[in-house]
C-alpha atoms as a PDB file:
ATOM      1  CA  UNK A   1     -23.233 -12.921   3.213  1.00  0.00           C
ATOM      2  CA  UNK A   2     -21.235 -12.309   0.052  1.00  0.00           C
ATOM      3  CA  UNK A   3     -20.825 -15.086  -2.458  1.00  0.00           C
ATOM      4  CA  UNK A   4     -17.791 -15.596  -4.685  1.00  0.00           C
ATOM      5  CA  UNK A   5     -19.455 -13.643  -7.509  1.00  0.00           C
ATOM      6  CA  UNK A   6     -20.159 -10.545  -5.405  1.00  0.00           C
ATOM      7  CA  UNK A   7     -16.751 -10.260  -3.747  1.00  0.00           C
ATOM      8  CA  UNK A   8     -14.531  -7.528  -5.157  1.00  0.00           C
ATOM      9  CA  UNK A   9     -11.493  -8.470  -7.228  1.00  0.00           C
ATOM     10  CA  UNK A  10      -8.744  -6.069  -8.186  1.00  0.00           C
ATOM     11  CA  UNK A  11      -5.235  -5.986  -9.633  1.00  0.00           C
ATOM     12  CA  UNK A  12      -2.405  -4.874  -7.348  1.00  0.00           C
ATOM     13  CA  UNK A  13       1.389  -4.774  -7.144  1.00  0.00           C
ATOM     14  CA  UNK A  14       3.332  -6.441  -4.317  1.00  0.00           C
ATOM     15  CA  UNK A  15       5.480  -3.918  -2.416  1.00  0.00           C
ATOM     16  CA  UNK A  16       6.554  -6.046   0.578  1.00  0.00           C
ATOM     17  CA  UNK A  17       7.079  -9.780   1.091  1.00  0.00           C
ATOM     18  CA  UNK A  18       8.860  -9.785   4.454  1.00  0.00           C
ATOM     19  CA  UNK A  19       6.061 -11.479   6.418  1.00  0.00           C
ATOM     20  CA  UNK A  20       5.274 -15.183   6.366  1.00  0.00           C
ATOM     21  CA  UNK A  21       2.069 -15.965   4.405  1.00  0.00           C
ATOM     22  CA  UNK A  22       1.303 -12.244   4.074  1.00  0.00           C
ATOM     23  CA  UNK A  23       2.029  -9.596   1.460  1.00  0.00           C
ATOM     24  CA  UNK A  24       1.565  -5.844   1.345  1.00  0.00           C
ATOM     25  CA  UNK A  25       0.142  -4.750  -2.002  1.00  0.00           C
ATOM     26  CA  UNK A  26      -0.706  -1.356  -3.432  1.00  0.00           C
ATOM     27  CA  UNK A  27      -3.786  -0.688  -5.560  1.00  0.00           C
ATOM     28  CA  UNK A  28      -3.520   2.369  -7.783  1.00  0.00           C
ATOM     29  CA  UNK A  29      -6.493   4.061  -9.421  1.00  0.00           C
ATOM     30  CA  UNK A  30      -7.288   7.408 -10.985  1.00  0.00           C
ATOM     31  CA  UNK A  31      -9.769   9.809  -9.447  1.00  0.00           C
ATOM     32  CA  UNK A  32     -11.056  13.038 -10.912  1.00  0.00           C
ATOM     33  CA  UNK A  33     -10.572  16.137  -8.749  1.00  0.00           C
ATOM     34  CA  UNK A  34     -14.007  17.530  -7.846  1.00  0.00           C
ATOM     35  CA  UNK A  35     -13.157  21.196  -8.532  1.00  0.00           C
ATOM     36  CA  UNK A  36     -10.297  21.273 -11.041  1.00  0.00           C
ATOM     37  CA  UNK A  37     -11.204  18.216 -13.114  1.00  0.00           C
ATOM     38  CA  UNK A  38      -7.635  16.927 -13.178  1.00  0.00           C
ATOM     39  CA  UNK A  39      -7.110  13.171 -12.763  1.00  0.00           C
ATOM     40  CA  UNK A  40      -5.088  12.240  -9.683  1.00  0.00           C
ATOM     41  CA  UNK A  41      -3.410   8.912  -8.865  1.00  0.00           C
ATOM     42  CA  UNK A  42      -4.795   7.476  -5.636  1.00  0.00           C
ATOM     43  CA  UNK A  43      -2.926   4.619  -3.942  1.00  0.00           C
ATOM     44  CA  UNK A  44      -4.143   2.343  -1.178  1.00  0.00           C
ATOM     45  CA  UNK A  45      -2.227  -0.425   0.609  1.00  0.00           C
ATOM     46  CA  UNK A  46      -3.765  -3.731   1.627  1.00  0.00           C
ATOM     47  CA  UNK A  47      -2.453  -6.680   3.618  1.00  0.00           C
ATOM     48  CA  UNK A  48      -3.081  -9.856   1.586  1.00  0.00           C
ATOM     49  CA  UNK A  49      -2.997 -13.542   2.590  1.00  0.00           C
ATOM     50  CA  UNK A  50      -0.559 -15.563   0.438  1.00  0.00           C
ATOM     51  CA  UNK A  51      -0.663 -19.086   1.899  1.00  0.00           C
ATOM     52  CA  UNK A  52       2.091 -20.521  -0.309  1.00  0.00           C
ATOM     53  CA  UNK A  53       4.512 -17.540  -0.207  1.00  0.00           C
ATOM     54  CA  UNK A  54       4.726 -17.541  -4.023  1.00  0.00           C
ATOM     55  CA  UNK A  55       4.575 -13.815  -4.813  1.00  0.00           C
ATOM     56  CA  UNK A  56       7.644 -11.576  -4.735  1.00  0.00           C
ATOM     57  CA  UNK A  57       8.198  -7.808  -4.722  1.00  0.00           C
ATOM     58  CA  UNK A  58       7.148  -6.244  -8.013  1.00  0.00           C
ATOM     59  CA  UNK A  59       4.713  -8.989  -9.036  1.00  0.00           C
ATOM     60  CA  UNK A  60       1.347  -7.979 -10.442  1.00  0.00           C
ATOM     61  CA  UNK A  61      -1.333 -10.006  -8.660  1.00  0.00           C
ATOM     62  CA  UNK A  62      -5.110 -10.441  -8.550  1.00  0.00           C
ATOM     63  CA  UNK A  63      -6.596 -10.136  -5.058  1.00  0.00           C
ATOM     64  CA  UNK A  64     -10.112 -10.820  -3.787  1.00  0.00           C
ATOM     65  CA  UNK A  65     -12.070  -9.838  -0.688  1.00  0.00           C
ATOM     66  CA  UNK A  66     -12.568 -12.548   1.914  1.00  0.00           C
ATOM     67  CA  UNK A  67     -13.683 -13.046   5.462  1.00  0.00           C
ATOM     68  CA  UNK A  68     -11.280 -11.462   7.992  1.00  0.00           C
ATOM     69  CA  UNK A  69      -8.203 -13.646   8.415  1.00  0.00           C
ATOM     70  CA  UNK A  70      -6.592 -11.412  11.034  1.00  0.00           C
ATOM     71  CA  UNK A  71      -6.904  -7.838  12.285  1.00  0.00           C
ATOM     72  CA  UNK A  72      -5.611  -6.288   9.031  1.00  0.00           C
ATOM     73  CA  UNK A  73      -5.879  -9.168   6.513  1.00  0.00           C
ATOM     74  CA  UNK A  74      -9.186  -9.172   4.673  1.00  0.00           C
ATOM     75  CA  UNK A  75      -7.945  -9.979   1.151  1.00  0.00           C
ATOM     76  CA  UNK A  76      -6.556 -13.184  -0.381  1.00  0.00           C
ATOM     77  CA  UNK A  77      -4.218 -13.663  -3.325  1.00  0.00           C
ATOM     78  CA  UNK A  78      -5.931 -15.399  -6.259  1.00  0.00           C
ATOM     79  CA  UNK A  79      -3.259 -15.468  -8.964  1.00  0.00           C
ATOM     80  CA  UNK A  80       0.067 -14.006 -10.014  1.00  0.00           C
ATOM     81  CA  UNK A  81      -0.001 -12.229 -13.371  1.00  0.00           C
ATOM     82  CA  UNK A  82       3.773 -11.731 -13.590  1.00  0.00           C
ATOM     83  CA  UNK A  83       6.187  -8.804 -13.396  1.00  0.00           C
END
């Protein structure tokens, strides 16, 4: 079982806040192309649990892995960094 220290944390941007206690966030990172060597932006969307409905679209947030909350929600919102 993972402890709080071993769970992944990452910074993401909220792209949808239409659901109650849930947010859709996008994590963007850069990956080097294996053949051409060019850096490519890679985006991945996650469904995040926001119990207090504090975050809004465009907010930069810190998310952390957790136990599964529902079928798609496996991340929780830790803090809001701002716009």
